[in-house]
Amino acid sequence: MKKYLMIVVALMAVTAVFAFEPSSMLIGGGFEFTSQKDDSDADAVNTIAFYPQLSGFVIENLSADLILSLVNMSQDDDSATAIGIGVGGRYFFKNLYGGADFTYALNRAKYKSMFGSTVKTKYNAMYLTPKIGYLAPVLPNTYIDLQGYYKLGLGEYTGDMEDIDNEESCLGIRLGVQFNMNI
């Protein structure tokens, strides 16, 4: 076990000497899959999410990010889809980064009511997502992106859920890939 830990520490030390220049762009994104149950008798809620991202460095090690989010949730005959667009920024210190993004999402859901009829809803929401991460180089200009985040709802929903506070929150981990493109 010590041998593997030493290899990981050595790789992190060797790769921690780079900086992103203002002419650099990162293209990539992250992926999530979750399956959760509220209790042992409940059916699982499955979620698949994809987060494409384009980042341009405005000054050394500071990126401005354009973010797209595609989320699909399902449980039996119930389903929900959310498409979001957002902006954000990250500051890089060697391979580590910290940042945040703001996202506006269009949500569509279909579920069975307790009376057996199908109900469809459309609503919109805003989110703030602080995040920290690590870019691990795997090939020249190619990085594995491991990110931890805390997504929290802002304001009220609009649409079919108008005047209801958006009190959503989610603590999660994303895995993705980033490609460094020098302009």
N, C-alpha and C. Protein backbone atom coordinates (compact mmCIF):
# COMPACT_ATOMS: atom_id res chain seq x y z
N MET A 1 0.82 -1.19 0.00
CA MET A 1 0.00 0.00 0.00
C MET A 1 0.87 1.26 0.00
N LYS A 2 1.96 1.22 0.79
CA LYS A 2 2.85 2.37 0.84
C LYS A 2 3.46 2.66 -0.53
N LYS A 3 3.73 1.60 -1.28
CA LYS A 3 4.33 1.76 -2.60
C LYS A 3 3.39 2.55 -3.51
N TYR A 4 2.10 2.20 -3.50
CA TYR A 4 1.13 2.91 -4.34
C TYR A 4 0.96 4.36 -3.91
N LEU A 5 0.94 4.60 -2.62
CA LEU A 5 0.83 5.95 -2.10
C LEU A 5 2.04 6.79 -2.52
N MET A 6 3.22 6.22 -2.46
CA MET A 6 4.44 6.93 -2.87
C MET A 6 4.40 7.26 -4.37
N ILE A 7 3.88 6.35 -5.19
CA ILE A 7 3.77 6.60 -6.63
C ILE A 7 2.81 7.76 -6.90
N VAL A 8 1.66 7.76 -6.21
CA VAL A 8 0.69 8.84 -6.38
C VAL A 8 1.28 10.18 -5.95
N VAL A 9 1.97 10.22 -4.81
CA VAL A 9 2.58 11.46 -4.33
C VAL A 9 3.65 11.94 -5.31
N ALA A 10 4.46 11.03 -5.83
CA ALA A 10 5.50 11.40 -6.79
C ALA A 10 4.89 11.95 -8.08
N LEU A 11 3.83 11.32 -8.59
CA LEU A 11 3.17 11.82 -9.80
C LEU A 11 2.58 13.21 -9.58
N MET A 12 1.98 13.42 -8.41
CA MET A 12 1.40 14.74 -8.12
C MET A 12 2.50 15.80 -8.04
N ALA A 13 3.64 15.46 -7.45
CA ALA A 13 4.74 16.42 -7.32
C ALA A 13 5.33 16.76 -8.68
N VAL A 14 5.51 15.76 -9.53
CA VAL A 14 6.10 15.99 -10.85
C VAL A 14 5.17 16.82 -11.73
N THR A 15 3.88 16.59 -11.64
CA THR A 15 2.93 17.29 -12.52
C THR A 15 2.48 18.63 -11.97
N ALA A 16 2.96 19.02 -10.82
CA ALA A 16 2.48 20.26 -10.19
C ALA A 16 3.27 21.50 -10.59
N VAL A 17 3.95 21.48 -11.73
CA VAL A 17 4.80 22.60 -12.10
C VAL A 17 4.28 23.38 -13.32
N PHE A 18 3.09 23.12 -13.76
CA PHE A 18 2.61 23.81 -14.95
C PHE A 18 1.66 24.95 -14.58
N ALA A 19 1.48 25.85 -15.55
CA ALA A 19 0.53 26.95 -15.40
C ALA A 19 -0.22 27.10 -16.72
N PHE A 20 -1.49 27.50 -16.62
CA PHE A 20 -2.28 27.76 -17.82
C PHE A 20 -2.09 29.22 -18.21
N GLU A 21 -1.73 29.45 -19.45
CA GLU A 21 -1.47 30.81 -19.95
C GLU A 21 -2.75 31.43 -20.50
N PRO A 22 -2.79 32.77 -20.62
CA PRO A 22 -3.99 33.45 -21.12
C PRO A 22 -4.48 32.98 -22.49
N SER A 23 -3.62 32.45 -23.32
CA SER A 23 -4.05 32.00 -24.65
C SER A 23 -4.58 30.56 -24.65
N SER A 24 -4.65 29.93 -23.49
CA SER A 24 -5.09 28.53 -23.40
C SER A 24 -6.61 28.43 -23.29
N MET A 25 -7.11 27.31 -23.77
CA MET A 25 -8.53 26.96 -23.60
C MET A 25 -8.61 25.51 -23.11
N LEU A 26 -9.54 25.24 -22.23
CA LEU A 26 -9.83 23.87 -21.82
C LEU A 26 -11.19 23.49 -22.39
N ILE A 27 -11.23 22.34 -23.05
CA ILE A 27 -12.48 21.81 -23.59
C ILE A 27 -12.69 20.44 -22.97
N GLY A 28 -13.87 20.18 -22.49
CA GLY A 28 -14.14 18.87 -21.87
C GLY A 28 -15.45 18.88 -21.14
N GLY A 29 -15.48 18.14 -20.04
CA GLY A 29 -16.68 18.08 -19.25
C GLY A 29 -16.65 16.94 -18.27
N GLY A 30 -17.73 16.81 -17.52
CA GLY A 30 -17.83 15.78 -16.50
C GLY A 30 -19.06 14.91 -16.69
N PHE A 31 -19.08 13.78 -16.00
CA PHE A 31 -20.15 12.81 -16.08
C PHE A 31 -20.49 12.34 -14.68
N GLU A 32 -21.78 12.11 -14.43
CA GLU A 32 -22.25 11.56 -13.15
C GLU A 32 -23.26 10.47 -13.40
N PHE A 33 -23.26 9.48 -12.54
CA PHE A 33 -24.34 8.50 -12.48
C PHE A 33 -24.62 8.26 -11.01
N THR A 34 -25.88 8.38 -10.61
CA THR A 34 -26.27 8.05 -9.25
C THR A 34 -27.50 7.15 -9.27
N SER A 35 -27.60 6.30 -8.29
CA SER A 35 -28.78 5.47 -8.07
C SER A 35 -29.02 5.49 -6.57
N GLN A 36 -30.15 6.04 -6.15
CA GLN A 36 -30.39 6.16 -4.71
C GLN A 36 -31.79 5.70 -4.35
N LYS A 37 -31.91 5.24 -3.11
CA LYS A 37 -33.20 4.84 -2.55
C LYS A 37 -33.44 5.63 -1.28
N ASP A 38 -34.69 6.04 -1.07
CA ASP A 38 -35.03 6.74 0.16
C ASP A 38 -35.09 5.80 1.35
N ASP A 39 -35.47 4.55 1.09
CA ASP A 39 -35.43 3.50 2.12
C ASP A 39 -35.31 2.15 1.41
N SER A 40 -35.18 1.07 2.17
CA SER A 40 -34.90 -0.25 1.57
C SER A 40 -36.06 -0.78 0.73
N ASP A 41 -37.29 -0.31 0.96
CA ASP A 41 -38.44 -0.79 0.20
C ASP A 41 -38.73 0.06 -1.04
N ALA A 42 -38.10 1.20 -1.17
CA ALA A 42 -38.37 2.12 -2.28
C ALA A 42 -37.67 1.67 -3.56
N ASP A 43 -38.23 2.09 -4.68
CA ASP A 43 -37.57 1.87 -5.96
C ASP A 43 -36.43 2.87 -6.10
N ALA A 44 -35.39 2.47 -6.80
CA ALA A 44 -34.24 3.34 -6.98
C ALA A 44 -34.56 4.50 -7.92
N VAL A 45 -34.00 5.67 -7.61
CA VAL A 45 -34.05 6.83 -8.48
C VAL A 45 -32.69 6.87 -9.18
N ASN A 46 -32.69 6.72 -10.50
CA ASN A 46 -31.46 6.72 -11.27
C ASN A 46 -31.28 8.07 -11.95
N THR A 47 -30.07 8.61 -11.87
CA THR A 47 -29.77 9.89 -12.48
C THR A 47 -28.52 9.75 -13.34
N ILE A 48 -28.62 10.25 -14.56
CA ILE A 48 -27.48 10.33 -15.46
C ILE A 48 -27.31 11.80 -15.82
N ALA A 49 -26.10 12.32 -15.67
CA ALA A 49 -25.86 13.73 -15.95
C ALA A 49 -24.56 13.90 -16.73
N PHE A 50 -24.56 14.85 -17.65
CA PHE A 50 -23.40 15.17 -18.45
C PHE A 50 -23.22 16.69 -18.42
N TYR A 51 -22.00 17.13 -18.19
CA TYR A 51 -21.72 18.56 -18.04
C TYR A 51 -20.60 19.00 -18.99
N PRO A 52 -20.89 19.27 -20.27
CA PRO A 52 -19.86 19.80 -21.17
C PRO A 52 -19.43 21.19 -20.71
N GLN A 53 -18.16 21.53 -20.97
CA GLN A 53 -17.63 22.79 -20.49
C GLN A 53 -16.56 23.32 -21.44
N LEU A 54 -16.55 24.63 -21.64
CA LEU A 54 -15.54 25.32 -22.43
C LEU A 54 -14.96 26.43 -21.56
N SER A 55 -13.64 26.44 -21.40
CA SER A 55 -12.99 27.42 -20.53
C SER A 55 -11.92 28.17 -21.29
N GLY A 56 -11.89 29.47 -21.13
CA GLY A 56 -10.84 30.31 -21.69
C GLY A 56 -10.12 31.03 -20.58
N PHE A 57 -8.80 31.07 -20.64
CA PHE A 57 -8.02 31.72 -19.59
C PHE A 57 -7.89 33.20 -19.89
N VAL A 58 -8.41 34.04 -18.99
CA VAL A 58 -8.40 35.48 -19.17
C VAL A 58 -7.08 36.08 -18.69
N ILE A 59 -6.53 35.54 -17.65
CA ILE A 59 -5.17 35.83 -17.20
C ILE A 59 -4.57 34.49 -16.78
N GLU A 60 -3.29 34.50 -16.47
CA GLU A 60 -2.65 33.24 -16.11
C GLU A 60 -3.38 32.57 -14.94
N ASN A 61 -3.78 31.33 -15.15
CA ASN A 61 -4.42 30.46 -14.15
C ASN A 61 -5.85 30.85 -13.75
N LEU A 62 -6.47 31.82 -14.41
CA LEU A 62 -7.86 32.19 -14.12
C LEU A 62 -8.70 31.98 -15.37
N SER A 63 -9.68 31.08 -15.27
CA SER A 63 -10.51 30.76 -16.44
C SER A 63 -11.92 31.31 -16.28
N ALA A 64 -12.50 31.67 -17.41
CA ALA A 64 -13.92 31.99 -17.50
C ALA A 64 -14.56 30.77 -18.18
N ASP A 65 -15.60 30.23 -17.58
CA ASP A 65 -16.19 28.96 -18.03
C ASP A 65 -17.60 29.15 -18.59
N LEU A 66 -17.88 28.46 -19.69
CA LEU A 66 -19.23 28.35 -20.23
C LEU A 66 -19.65 26.91 -20.00
N ILE A 67 -20.79 26.71 -19.36
CA ILE A 67 -21.19 25.39 -18.89
C ILE A 67 -22.57 25.03 -19.43
N LEU A 68 -22.72 23.79 -19.84
CA LEU A 68 -24.00 23.24 -20.24
C LEU A 68 -24.26 22.04 -19.34
N SER A 69 -25.49 21.86 -18.88
CA SER A 69 -25.79 20.68 -18.07
C SER A 69 -26.99 19.94 -18.67
N LEU A 70 -26.85 18.64 -18.75
CA LEU A 70 -27.91 17.76 -19.26
C LEU A 70 -28.13 16.68 -18.20
N VAL A 71 -29.31 16.67 -17.58
CA VAL A 71 -29.59 15.75 -16.48
C VAL A 71 -30.89 15.00 -16.77
N ASN A 72 -30.87 13.68 -16.57
CA ASN A 72 -32.07 12.85 -16.73
C ASN A 72 -32.22 11.98 -15.50
N MET A 73 -33.41 12.03 -14.89
CA MET A 73 -33.71 11.21 -13.71
C MET A 73 -34.89 10.31 -14.03
N SER A 74 -34.85 9.08 -13.52
CA SER A 74 -35.98 8.18 -13.75
C SER A 74 -36.20 7.27 -12.54
N GLN A 75 -37.47 6.93 -12.33
CA GLN A 75 -37.89 5.99 -11.29
C GLN A 75 -39.22 5.40 -11.75
N ASP A 76 -39.20 4.12 -12.05
CA ASP A 76 -40.39 3.46 -12.61
C ASP A 76 -40.90 4.24 -13.82
N ASP A 77 -42.16 4.72 -13.76
CA ASP A 77 -42.75 5.49 -14.87
C ASP A 77 -42.53 6.99 -14.74
N ASP A 78 -41.92 7.41 -13.64
CA ASP A 78 -41.67 8.84 -13.42
C ASP A 78 -40.34 9.22 -14.04
N SER A 79 -40.26 10.44 -14.57
CA SER A 79 -39.01 10.90 -15.15
C SER A 79 -38.93 12.43 -15.08
N ALA A 80 -37.71 12.92 -15.13
CA ALA A 80 -37.47 14.37 -15.15
C ALA A 80 -36.23 14.63 -15.98
N THR A 81 -36.28 15.71 -16.72
CA THR A 81 -35.15 16.13 -17.54
C THR A 81 -34.87 17.59 -17.26
N ALA A 82 -33.59 17.94 -17.14
CA ALA A 82 -33.19 19.33 -16.93
C ALA A 82 -32.07 19.68 -17.90
N ILE A 83 -32.22 20.82 -18.54
CA ILE A 83 -31.19 21.35 -19.43
C ILE A 83 -30.83 22.72 -18.89
N GLY A 84 -29.55 22.91 -18.60
CA GLY A 84 -29.12 24.17 -18.03
C GLY A 84 -27.97 24.78 -18.79
N ILE A 85 -27.85 26.09 -18.66
CA ILE A 85 -26.72 26.81 -19.23
C ILE A 85 -26.20 27.74 -18.14
N GLY A 86 -24.88 27.87 -18.09
CA GLY A 86 -24.32 28.68 -17.03
C GLY A 86 -22.97 29.26 -17.36
N VAL A 87 -22.53 30.13 -16.48
CA VAL A 87 -21.21 30.74 -16.57
C VAL A 87 -20.53 30.59 -15.22
N GLY A 88 -19.22 30.59 -15.25
CA GLY A 88 -18.49 30.45 -14.01
C GLY A 88 -17.04 30.81 -14.18
N GLY A 89 -16.27 30.52 -13.18
CA GLY A 89 -14.84 30.78 -13.22
C GLY A 89 -14.11 29.84 -12.28
N ARG A 90 -12.84 29.62 -12.60
CA ARG A 90 -11.99 28.78 -11.74
C ARG A 90 -10.60 29.42 -11.66
N TYR A 91 -10.01 29.32 -10.49
CA TYR A 91 -8.63 29.73 -10.32
C TYR A 91 -7.79 28.49 -10.08
N PHE A 92 -6.71 28.35 -10.84
CA PHE A 92 -5.85 27.17 -10.76
C PHE A 92 -4.59 27.49 -9.98
N PHE A 93 -4.24 26.62 -9.06
CA PHE A 93 -2.96 26.65 -8.37
C PHE A 93 -2.30 25.32 -8.65
N LYS A 94 -1.41 25.34 -9.61
CA LYS A 94 -0.78 24.13 -10.12
C LYS A 94 -1.88 23.23 -10.66
N ASN A 95 -2.06 22.03 -10.15
CA ASN A 95 -3.10 21.12 -10.65
C ASN A 95 -4.43 21.27 -9.92
N LEU A 96 -4.45 21.98 -8.83
CA LEU A 96 -5.67 22.16 -8.03
C LEU A 96 -6.42 23.40 -8.50
N TYR A 97 -7.74 23.39 -8.36
CA TYR A 97 -8.52 24.59 -8.69
C TYR A 97 -9.70 24.73 -7.74
N GLY A 98 -10.17 25.95 -7.66
CA GLY A 98 -11.38 26.27 -6.92
C GLY A 98 -12.17 27.27 -7.73
N GLY A 99 -13.46 27.24 -7.63
CA GLY A 99 -14.28 28.17 -8.40
C GLY A 99 -15.75 28.02 -8.09
N ALA A 100 -16.55 28.60 -8.96
CA ALA A 100 -18.00 28.53 -8.80
C ALA A 100 -18.65 28.77 -10.16
N ASP A 101 -19.90 28.32 -10.28
CA ASP A 101 -20.67 28.65 -11.48
C ASP A 101 -22.11 28.94 -11.10
N PHE A 102 -22.75 29.68 -11.98
CA PHE A 102 -24.16 30.04 -11.86
C PHE A 102 -24.87 29.41 -13.05
N THR A 103 -25.94 28.66 -12.80
CA THR A 103 -26.65 27.95 -13.87
C THR A 103 -28.14 28.25 -13.81
N TYR A 104 -28.74 28.42 -14.99
CA TYR A 104 -30.18 28.56 -15.15
C TYR A 104 -30.67 27.30 -15.85
N ALA A 105 -31.62 26.57 -15.25
CA ALA A 105 -32.06 25.28 -15.78
C ALA A 105 -33.54 25.28 -16.13
N LEU A 106 -33.85 24.64 -17.27
CA LEU A 106 -35.22 24.39 -17.71
C LEU A 106 -35.54 22.94 -17.34
N ASN A 107 -36.54 22.73 -16.49
CA ASN A 107 -36.86 21.41 -15.98
C ASN A 107 -38.22 20.94 -16.50
N ARG A 108 -38.29 19.68 -16.88
CA ARG A 108 -39.52 19.06 -17.33
C ARG A 108 -39.67 17.74 -16.58
N ALA A 109 -40.82 17.51 -15.99
CA ALA A 109 -41.04 16.29 -15.21
C ALA A 109 -42.38 15.66 -15.58
N LYS A 110 -42.43 14.33 -15.47
CA LYS A 110 -43.66 13.57 -15.71
C LYS A 110 -43.72 12.51 -14.61
N TYR A 111 -44.85 12.47 -13.89
CA TYR A 111 -44.99 11.50 -12.81
C TYR A 111 -46.45 11.12 -12.64
N LYS A 112 -46.67 10.00 -11.99
CA LYS A 112 -48.03 9.54 -11.70
C LYS A 112 -48.48 10.14 -10.38
N SER A 113 -49.68 10.69 -10.38
CA SER A 113 -50.24 11.24 -9.14
C SER A 113 -50.74 10.08 -8.28
N MET A 114 -51.12 10.38 -7.06
CA MET A 114 -51.63 9.33 -6.17
C MET A 114 -52.98 8.80 -6.64
N PHE A 115 -53.61 9.48 -7.61
CA PHE A 115 -54.87 9.00 -8.17
C PHE A 115 -54.67 8.20 -9.44
N GLY A 116 -53.41 8.02 -9.88
CA GLY A 116 -53.11 7.21 -11.05
C GLY A 116 -52.99 7.95 -12.36
N SER A 117 -53.30 9.25 -12.38
CA SER A 117 -53.18 10.00 -13.63
C SER A 117 -51.74 10.51 -13.80
N THR A 118 -51.37 10.76 -15.05
CA THR A 118 -50.04 11.28 -15.35
C THR A 118 -50.05 12.80 -15.27
N VAL A 119 -49.10 13.35 -14.55
CA VAL A 119 -48.98 14.80 -14.37
C VAL A 119 -47.68 15.25 -15.01
N LYS A 120 -47.75 16.32 -15.80
CA LYS A 120 -46.55 16.90 -16.42
C LYS A 120 -46.35 18.30 -15.87
N THR A 121 -45.10 18.63 -15.53
CA THR A 121 -44.79 19.97 -15.04
C THR A 121 -43.61 20.55 -15.81
N LYS A 122 -43.61 21.87 -15.92
CA LYS A 122 -42.50 22.61 -16.52
C LYS A 122 -42.16 23.73 -15.55
N TYR A 123 -40.91 23.80 -15.18
CA TYR A 123 -40.48 24.87 -14.29
C TYR A 123 -39.01 25.18 -14.53
N ASN A 124 -38.59 26.36 -14.11
CA ASN A 124 -37.22 26.82 -14.29
C ASN A 124 -36.62 27.11 -12.93
N ALA A 125 -35.29 27.01 -12.84
CA ALA A 125 -34.62 27.21 -11.56
C ALA A 125 -33.22 27.76 -11.77
N MET A 126 -32.68 28.42 -10.73
CA MET A 126 -31.32 28.94 -10.75
C MET A 126 -30.51 28.24 -9.66
N TYR A 127 -29.21 28.05 -9.95
CA TYR A 127 -28.34 27.34 -9.01
C TYR A 127 -26.98 28.01 -8.93
N LEU A 128 -26.37 27.97 -7.76
CA LEU A 128 -25.00 28.39 -7.54
C LEU A 128 -24.23 27.14 -7.11
N THR A 129 -23.06 26.92 -7.74
CA THR A 129 -22.30 25.70 -7.46
C THR A 129 -20.83 26.01 -7.19
N PRO A 130 -20.44 26.17 -5.92
CA PRO A 130 -19.02 26.25 -5.59
C PRO A 130 -18.39 24.87 -5.83
N LYS A 131 -17.10 24.86 -6.27
CA LYS A 131 -16.47 23.58 -6.57
C LYS A 131 -14.96 23.66 -6.36
N ILE A 132 -14.38 22.51 -6.09
CA ILE A 132 -12.93 22.37 -6.02
C ILE A 132 -12.58 21.14 -6.84
N GLY A 133 -11.36 21.10 -7.36
CA GLY A 133 -11.01 19.96 -8.19
C GLY A 133 -9.52 19.79 -8.36
N TYR A 134 -9.18 18.72 -9.06
CA TYR A 134 -7.81 18.37 -9.35
C TYR A 134 -7.74 17.87 -10.79
N LEU A 135 -6.81 18.42 -11.58
CA LEU A 135 -6.56 17.96 -12.94
C LEU A 135 -5.32 17.07 -12.92
N ALA A 136 -5.50 15.80 -13.24
CA ALA A 136 -4.40 14.85 -13.28
C ALA A 136 -3.99 14.61 -14.73
N PRO A 137 -2.76 15.00 -15.11
CA PRO A 137 -2.35 14.80 -16.49
C PRO A 137 -2.20 13.32 -16.82
N VAL A 138 -2.74 12.91 -17.97
CA VAL A 138 -2.61 11.51 -18.40
C VAL A 138 -1.85 11.42 -19.73
N LEU A 139 -1.95 12.43 -20.55
CA LEU A 139 -1.24 12.55 -21.82
C LEU A 139 -0.89 14.02 -21.98
N PRO A 140 -0.01 14.38 -22.93
CA PRO A 140 0.23 15.81 -23.14
C PRO A 140 -1.08 16.54 -23.46
N ASN A 141 -1.35 17.60 -22.71
CA ASN A 141 -2.54 18.45 -22.88
C ASN A 141 -3.86 17.73 -22.62
N THR A 142 -3.84 16.59 -21.93
CA THR A 142 -5.05 15.84 -21.60
C THR A 142 -5.05 15.54 -20.10
N TYR A 143 -6.18 15.84 -19.44
CA TYR A 143 -6.25 15.71 -17.99
C TYR A 143 -7.52 14.98 -17.57
N ILE A 144 -7.41 14.18 -16.53
CA ILE A 144 -8.58 13.63 -15.85
C ILE A 144 -8.98 14.68 -14.81
N ASP A 145 -10.25 15.03 -14.77
CA ASP A 145 -10.75 16.07 -13.88
C ASP A 145 -11.60 15.42 -12.79
N LEU A 146 -11.13 15.50 -11.56
CA LEU A 146 -11.89 15.02 -10.40
C LEU A 146 -12.35 16.24 -9.64
N GLN A 147 -13.67 16.38 -9.49
CA GLN A 147 -14.26 17.59 -8.95
C GLN A 147 -15.25 17.28 -7.84
N GLY A 148 -15.17 18.02 -6.74
CA GLY A 148 -16.17 17.99 -5.69
C GLY A 148 -16.96 19.28 -5.75
N TYR A 149 -18.26 19.20 -5.52
CA TYR A 149 -19.09 20.40 -5.65
C TYR A 149 -20.23 20.39 -4.65
N TYR A 150 -20.80 21.57 -4.43
CA TYR A 150 -22.00 21.72 -3.61
C TYR A 150 -22.96 22.62 -4.38
N LYS A 151 -24.02 22.04 -4.92
CA LYS A 151 -25.00 22.77 -5.72
C LYS A 151 -26.15 23.22 -4.82
N LEU A 152 -26.48 24.51 -4.87
CA LEU A 152 -27.60 24.98 -4.06
C LEU A 152 -28.53 25.86 -4.88
N GLY A 153 -29.82 25.69 -4.63
CA GLY A 153 -30.84 26.45 -5.34
C GLY A 153 -30.89 27.89 -4.89
N LEU A 154 -31.25 28.77 -5.82
CA LEU A 154 -31.36 30.20 -5.54
C LEU A 154 -32.77 30.69 -5.88
N GLY A 155 -33.30 31.58 -5.07
CA GLY A 155 -34.57 32.23 -5.38
C GLY A 155 -35.76 31.30 -5.38
N GLU A 156 -36.71 31.61 -6.26
CA GLU A 156 -37.93 30.81 -6.39
C GLU A 156 -37.97 30.16 -7.77
N TYR A 157 -38.69 29.05 -7.85
CA TYR A 157 -38.93 28.43 -9.16
C TYR A 157 -39.87 29.32 -9.95
N THR A 158 -39.84 29.18 -11.27
CA THR A 158 -40.82 29.84 -12.12
C THR A 158 -41.54 28.78 -12.95
N GLY A 159 -42.59 29.14 -13.63
CA GLY A 159 -43.35 28.18 -14.41
C GLY A 159 -44.42 27.53 -13.56
N ASP A 160 -44.62 26.22 -13.70
CA ASP A 160 -45.67 25.50 -12.97
C ASP A 160 -45.45 25.49 -11.46
N MET A 161 -44.23 25.77 -11.01
CA MET A 161 -43.95 25.78 -9.56
C MET A 161 -43.70 27.20 -9.05
N GLU A 162 -44.32 28.16 -9.70
CA GLU A 162 -44.13 29.58 -9.36
C GLU A 162 -44.41 29.84 -7.89
N ASP A 163 -43.63 30.74 -7.30
CA ASP A 163 -43.76 31.17 -5.90
C ASP A 163 -43.36 30.10 -4.89
N ILE A 164 -42.67 29.06 -5.32
CA ILE A 164 -42.14 28.05 -4.40
C ILE A 164 -40.63 28.28 -4.32
N ASP A 165 -40.10 28.35 -3.10
CA ASP A 165 -38.67 28.57 -2.91
C ASP A 165 -37.86 27.39 -3.42
N ASN A 166 -36.77 27.69 -4.11
CA ASN A 166 -35.84 26.67 -4.58
C ASN A 166 -34.84 26.41 -3.47
N GLU A 167 -35.10 25.40 -2.66
CA GLU A 167 -34.24 25.06 -1.53
C GLU A 167 -33.44 23.79 -1.80
N GLU A 168 -33.25 23.46 -3.08
CA GLU A 168 -32.48 22.28 -3.44
C GLU A 168 -31.03 22.42 -3.00
N SER A 169 -30.41 21.30 -2.67
CA SER A 169 -28.98 21.27 -2.41
C SER A 169 -28.47 19.87 -2.74
N CYS A 170 -27.22 19.82 -3.16
CA CYS A 170 -26.63 18.54 -3.54
C CYS A 170 -25.12 18.62 -3.35
N LEU A 171 -24.57 17.66 -2.65
CA LEU A 171 -23.14 17.53 -2.48
C LEU A 171 -22.71 16.36 -3.34
N GLY A 172 -21.75 16.56 -4.23
CA GLY A 172 -21.40 15.48 -5.15
C GLY A 172 -19.98 15.51 -5.65
N ILE A 173 -19.66 14.49 -6.43
CA ILE A 173 -18.36 14.32 -7.06
C ILE A 173 -18.58 14.04 -8.53
N ARG A 174 -17.78 14.69 -9.38
CA ARG A 174 -17.83 14.46 -10.82
C ARG A 174 -16.48 13.96 -11.31
N LEU A 175 -16.52 13.17 -12.34
CA LEU A 175 -15.31 12.71 -13.01
C LEU A 175 -15.42 13.12 -14.46
N GLY A 176 -14.36 13.68 -15.00
CA GLY A 176 -14.41 14.13 -16.37
C GLY A 176 -13.05 14.15 -17.02
N VAL A 177 -13.00 14.76 -18.18
CA VAL A 177 -11.76 14.89 -18.93
C VAL A 177 -11.68 16.32 -19.47
N GLN A 178 -10.48 16.87 -19.52
CA GLN A 178 -10.24 18.22 -20.04
C GLN A 178 -9.08 18.15 -21.03
N PHE A 179 -9.20 18.88 -22.12
CA PHE A 179 -8.16 18.97 -23.14
C PHE A 179 -7.69 20.42 -23.21
N ASN A 180 -6.38 20.64 -23.13
CA ASN A 180 -5.81 21.98 -23.21
C ASN A 180 -5.51 22.31 -24.66
N MET A 181 -6.14 23.36 -25.17
CA MET A 181 -5.94 23.78 -26.56
C MET A 181 -5.29 25.16 -26.53
N ASN A 182 -4.09 25.30 -27.04
CA ASN A 182 -3.42 26.60 -27.10
C ASN A 182 -3.83 27.31 -28.39
N ILE A 183 -4.26 28.55 -28.26
CA ILE A 183 -4.72 29.32 -29.43
C ILE A 183 -3.54 30.03 -30.06
